[in-house]
């Protein structure tokens, strides 16, 4: 069984999105495909669209933070991460290993955010 060509998938989902511009699942899929194929600007555009459509979705904000980090927009990325956490994103393990946000790890604001999340998670475990 052969793998599907990512460019074929991108073209397919782009054609669907042209017909149904607010198809959330397609926007999410395209965001991932764009990022996986190095089309960071397009991935960022999809993530920004998702946050507009789903402003209370922590994963949408997390994905936006990832795209912003990949673009080197550290302050904006951390702000989006803060939003994600405020909205309920709490996968600390993934935050610490996600290659998309590795550029944030040395930033003091990121470290503070991680410590705040660790503390909050510890309180919920008691």
C-alpha atoms as a PDB file:
ATOM      1  CA  UNK A   1       0.000   0.000   0.000  1.00  0.00           C
ATOM      2  CA  UNK A   2       1.476   3.360  -0.987  1.00  0.00           C
ATOM      3  CA  UNK A   3       1.285   6.596   0.954  1.00  0.00           C
ATOM      4  CA  UNK A   4      -0.839   9.430  -0.360  1.00  0.00           C
ATOM      5  CA  UNK A   5       1.058  12.320  -1.921  1.00  0.00           C
ATOM      6  CA  UNK A   6       0.729  15.326   0.429  1.00  0.00           C
ATOM      7  CA  UNK A   7       0.460  17.705  -2.540  1.00  0.00           C
ATOM      8  CA  UNK A   8      -2.452  15.694  -3.893  1.00  0.00           C
ATOM      9  CA  UNK A   9      -4.129  15.869  -0.484  1.00  0.00           C
ATOM     10  CA  UNK A  10      -3.508  19.615  -0.265  1.00  0.00           C
ATOM     11  CA  UNK A  11      -5.022  20.195  -3.703  1.00  0.00           C
ATOM     12  CA  UNK A  12      -8.019  18.038  -2.821  1.00  0.00           C
ATOM     13  CA  UNK A  13      -8.723  19.812   0.475  1.00  0.00           C
ATOM     14  CA  UNK A  14      -8.112  23.242  -1.059  1.00  0.00           C
ATOM     15  CA  UNK A  15     -10.798  22.451  -3.644  1.00  0.00           C
ATOM     16  CA  UNK A  16     -13.194  21.424  -0.874  1.00  0.00           C
ATOM     17  CA  UNK A  17     -12.414  24.611   1.056  1.00  0.00           C
ATOM     18  CA  UNK A  18     -13.151  26.743  -2.007  1.00  0.00           C
ATOM     19  CA  UNK A  19     -16.651  25.258  -2.080  1.00  0.00           C
ATOM     20  CA  UNK A  20     -17.185  25.331   1.704  1.00  0.00           C
ATOM     21  CA  UNK A  21     -14.932  28.074   3.168  1.00  0.00           C
ATOM     22  CA  UNK A  22     -15.888  27.469   6.805  1.00  0.00           C
ATOM     23  CA  UNK A  23     -15.494  23.677   6.801  1.00  0.00           C
ATOM     24  CA  UNK A  24     -13.671  23.379  10.120  1.00  0.00           C
ATOM     25  CA  UNK A  25     -12.336  19.843   9.657  1.00  0.00           C
ATOM     26  CA  UNK A  26     -10.864  20.749   6.274  1.00  0.00           C
ATOM     27  CA  UNK A  27      -9.235  23.884   7.693  1.00  0.00           C
ATOM     28  CA  UNK A  28      -7.663  21.769  10.452  1.00  0.00           C
ATOM     29  CA  UNK A  29      -6.436  19.152   7.981  1.00  0.00           C
ATOM     30  CA  UNK A  30      -4.987  21.781   5.650  1.00  0.00           C
ATOM     31  CA  UNK A  31      -3.241  23.487   8.561  1.00  0.00           C
ATOM     32  CA  UNK A  32      -1.500  20.225   9.425  1.00  0.00           C
ATOM     33  CA  UNK A  33      -0.676  19.366   5.816  1.00  0.00           C
ATOM     34  CA  UNK A  34       0.753  22.801   5.123  1.00  0.00           C
ATOM     35  CA  UNK A  35       2.924  22.685   8.227  1.00  0.00           C
ATOM     36  CA  UNK A  36       4.099  19.126   7.537  1.00  0.00           C
ATOM     37  CA  UNK A  37       5.149  20.126   4.002  1.00  0.00           C
ATOM     38  CA  UNK A  38       6.968  23.272   5.145  1.00  0.00           C
ATOM     39  CA  UNK A  39       4.299  25.704   3.962  1.00  0.00           C
ATOM     40  CA  UNK A  40       4.359  27.532   7.291  1.00  0.00           C
ATOM     41  CA  UNK A  41       2.707  30.723   6.020  1.00  0.00           C
ATOM     42  CA  UNK A  42      -0.278  28.749   4.735  1.00  0.00           C
ATOM     43  CA  UNK A  43      -0.440  26.725   7.948  1.00  0.00           C
ATOM     44  CA  UNK A  44      -0.404  29.952   9.948  1.00  0.00           C
ATOM     45  CA  UNK A  45      -3.238  31.304   7.823  1.00  0.00           C
ATOM     46  CA  UNK A  46      -5.327  28.185   8.514  1.00  0.00           C
ATOM     47  CA  UNK A  47      -4.624  28.386  12.253  1.00  0.00           C
ATOM     48  CA  UNK A  48      -5.582  32.070  12.333  1.00  0.00           C
ATOM     49  CA  UNK A  49      -8.816  31.190  10.534  1.00  0.00           C
ATOM     50  CA  UNK A  50      -9.578  28.443  13.052  1.00  0.00           C
ATOM     51  CA  UNK A  51      -9.083  30.789  15.989  1.00  0.00           C
ATOM     52  CA  UNK A  52     -11.522  33.245  14.389  1.00  0.00           C
ATOM     53  CA  UNK A  53     -14.107  30.494  13.802  1.00  0.00           C
ATOM     54  CA  UNK A  54     -13.514  28.740  17.149  1.00  0.00           C
ATOM     55  CA  UNK A  55     -12.293  31.445  19.548  1.00  0.00           C
ATOM     56  CA  UNK A  56     -12.903  29.284  22.629  1.00  0.00           C
ATOM     57  CA  UNK A  57     -11.106  26.181  21.353  1.00  0.00           C
ATOM     58  CA  UNK A  58      -7.846  25.605  23.256  1.00  0.00           C
ATOM     59  CA  UNK A  59      -6.413  23.355  20.534  1.00  0.00           C
ATOM     60  CA  UNK A  60      -6.966  26.024  17.879  1.00  0.00           C
ATOM     61  CA  UNK A  61      -4.983  28.482  20.006  1.00  0.00           C
ATOM     62  CA  UNK A  62      -2.296  25.873  20.650  1.00  0.00           C
ATOM     63  CA  UNK A  63      -1.914  25.178  16.934  1.00  0.00           C
ATOM     64  CA  UNK A  64      -1.715  28.911  16.270  1.00  0.00           C
ATOM     65  CA  UNK A  65       1.053  29.136  18.878  1.00  0.00           C
ATOM     66  CA  UNK A  66       2.912  26.374  17.039  1.00  0.00           C
ATOM     67  CA  UNK A  67       2.685  28.146  13.684  1.00  0.00           C
ATOM     68  CA  UNK A  68       3.752  31.442  15.201  1.00  0.00           C
ATOM     69  CA  UNK A  69       6.740  29.759  16.857  1.00  0.00           C
ATOM     70  CA  UNK A  70       7.747  28.189  13.546  1.00  0.00           C
ATOM     71  CA  UNK A  71       7.629  31.677  12.022  1.00  0.00           C
ATOM     72  CA  UNK A  72       9.896  32.984  14.790  1.00  0.00           C
ATOM     73  CA  UNK A  73       7.153  35.149  16.278  1.00  0.00           C
ATOM     74  CA  UNK A  74       8.013  34.212  19.844  1.00  0.00           C
ATOM     75  CA  UNK A  75       6.017  36.837  21.780  1.00  0.00           C
ATOM     76  CA  UNK A  76       2.870  36.198  19.746  1.00  0.00           C
ATOM     77  CA  UNK A  77       3.348  32.457  20.090  1.00  0.00           C
ATOM     78  CA  UNK A  78       3.595  32.662  23.869  1.00  0.00           C
ATOM     79  CA  UNK A  79       0.505  34.897  23.976  1.00  0.00           C
ATOM     80  CA  UNK A  80      -1.410  32.302  21.971  1.00  0.00           C
ATOM     81  CA  UNK A  81      -0.146  29.545  24.278  1.00  0.00           C
ATOM     82  CA  UNK A  82      -1.371  31.544  27.254  1.00  0.00           C
ATOM     83  CA  UNK A  83      -4.783  31.771  25.586  1.00  0.00           C
ATOM     84  CA  UNK A  84      -4.782  28.021  24.939  1.00  0.00           C
ATOM     85  CA  UNK A  85      -3.991  27.269  28.569  1.00  0.00           C
ATOM     86  CA  UNK A  86      -6.598  29.741  29.851  1.00  0.00           C
ATOM     87  CA  UNK A  87      -9.136  27.930  27.664  1.00  0.00           C
ATOM     88  CA  UNK A  88      -8.191  24.550  29.110  1.00  0.00           C
ATOM     89  CA  UNK A  89      -5.199  23.226  27.169  1.00  0.00           C
ATOM     90  CA  UNK A  90      -3.207  21.203  29.720  1.00  0.00           C
ATOM     91  CA  UNK A  91      -1.085  18.619  27.904  1.00  0.00           C
ATOM     92  CA  UNK A  92       2.134  19.529  29.671  1.00  0.00           C
ATOM     93  CA  UNK A  93       4.008  16.481  28.392  1.00  0.00           C
ATOM     94  CA  UNK A  94       3.307  17.417  24.777  1.00  0.00           C
ATOM     95  CA  UNK A  95       4.163  21.086  25.425  1.00  0.00           C
ATOM     96  CA  UNK A  96       7.616  20.022  26.543  1.00  0.00           C
ATOM     97  CA  UNK A  97       8.327  17.714  23.596  1.00  0.00           C
ATOM     98  CA  UNK A  98       6.560  19.392  20.650  1.00  0.00           C
ATOM     99  CA  UNK A  99       9.220  20.269  18.062  1.00  0.00           C
ATOM    100  CA  UNK A 100       7.050  23.091  16.708  1.00  0.00           C
ATOM    101  CA  UNK A 101       7.561  25.159  19.854  1.00  0.00           C
ATOM    102  CA  UNK A 102      11.113  24.208  20.781  1.00  0.00           C
ATOM    103  CA  UNK A 103      12.154  27.779  19.933  1.00  0.00           C
ATOM    104  CA  UNK A 104      10.157  28.944  22.970  1.00  0.00           C
ATOM    105  CA  UNK A 105      11.899  26.761  25.543  1.00  0.00           C
ATOM    106  CA  UNK A 106      14.607  29.261  26.457  1.00  0.00           C
ATOM    107  CA  UNK A 107      12.211  32.203  26.780  1.00  0.00           C
ATOM    108  CA  UNK A 108      11.581  33.206  30.407  1.00  0.00           C
ATOM    109  CA  UNK A 109       7.880  33.802  29.686  1.00  0.00           C
ATOM    110  CA  UNK A 110       7.553  30.259  28.366  1.00  0.00           C
ATOM    111  CA  UNK A 111       9.293  28.861  31.442  1.00  0.00           C
ATOM    112  CA  UNK A 112       6.973  30.878  33.670  1.00  0.00           C
ATOM    113  CA  UNK A 113       3.956  29.615  31.739  1.00  0.00           C
ATOM    114  CA  UNK A 114       5.132  26.004  32.097  1.00  0.00           C
ATOM    115  CA  UNK A 115       5.673  26.419  35.835  1.00  0.00           C
ATOM    116  CA  UNK A 116       2.225  27.960  36.215  1.00  0.00           C
ATOM    117  CA  UNK A 117       0.665  25.045  34.324  1.00  0.00           C
ATOM    118  CA  UNK A 118       2.618  22.499  36.397  1.00  0.00           C
ATOM    119  CA  UNK A 119       1.353  24.134  39.589  1.00  0.00           C
ATOM    120  CA  UNK A 120      -2.241  24.168  38.340  1.00  0.00           C
ATOM    121  CA  UNK A 121      -2.034  20.493  37.326  1.00  0.00           C
ATOM    122  CA  UNK A 122      -0.544  19.513  40.696  1.00  0.00           C
ATOM    123  CA  UNK A 123      -3.440  21.234  42.482  1.00  0.00           C
ATOM    124  CA  UNK A 124      -5.989  19.275  40.459  1.00  0.00           C
ATOM    125  CA  UNK A 125      -4.281  15.984  41.323  1.00  0.00           C
ATOM    126  CA  UNK A 126      -4.562  16.463  45.087  1.00  0.00           C
END
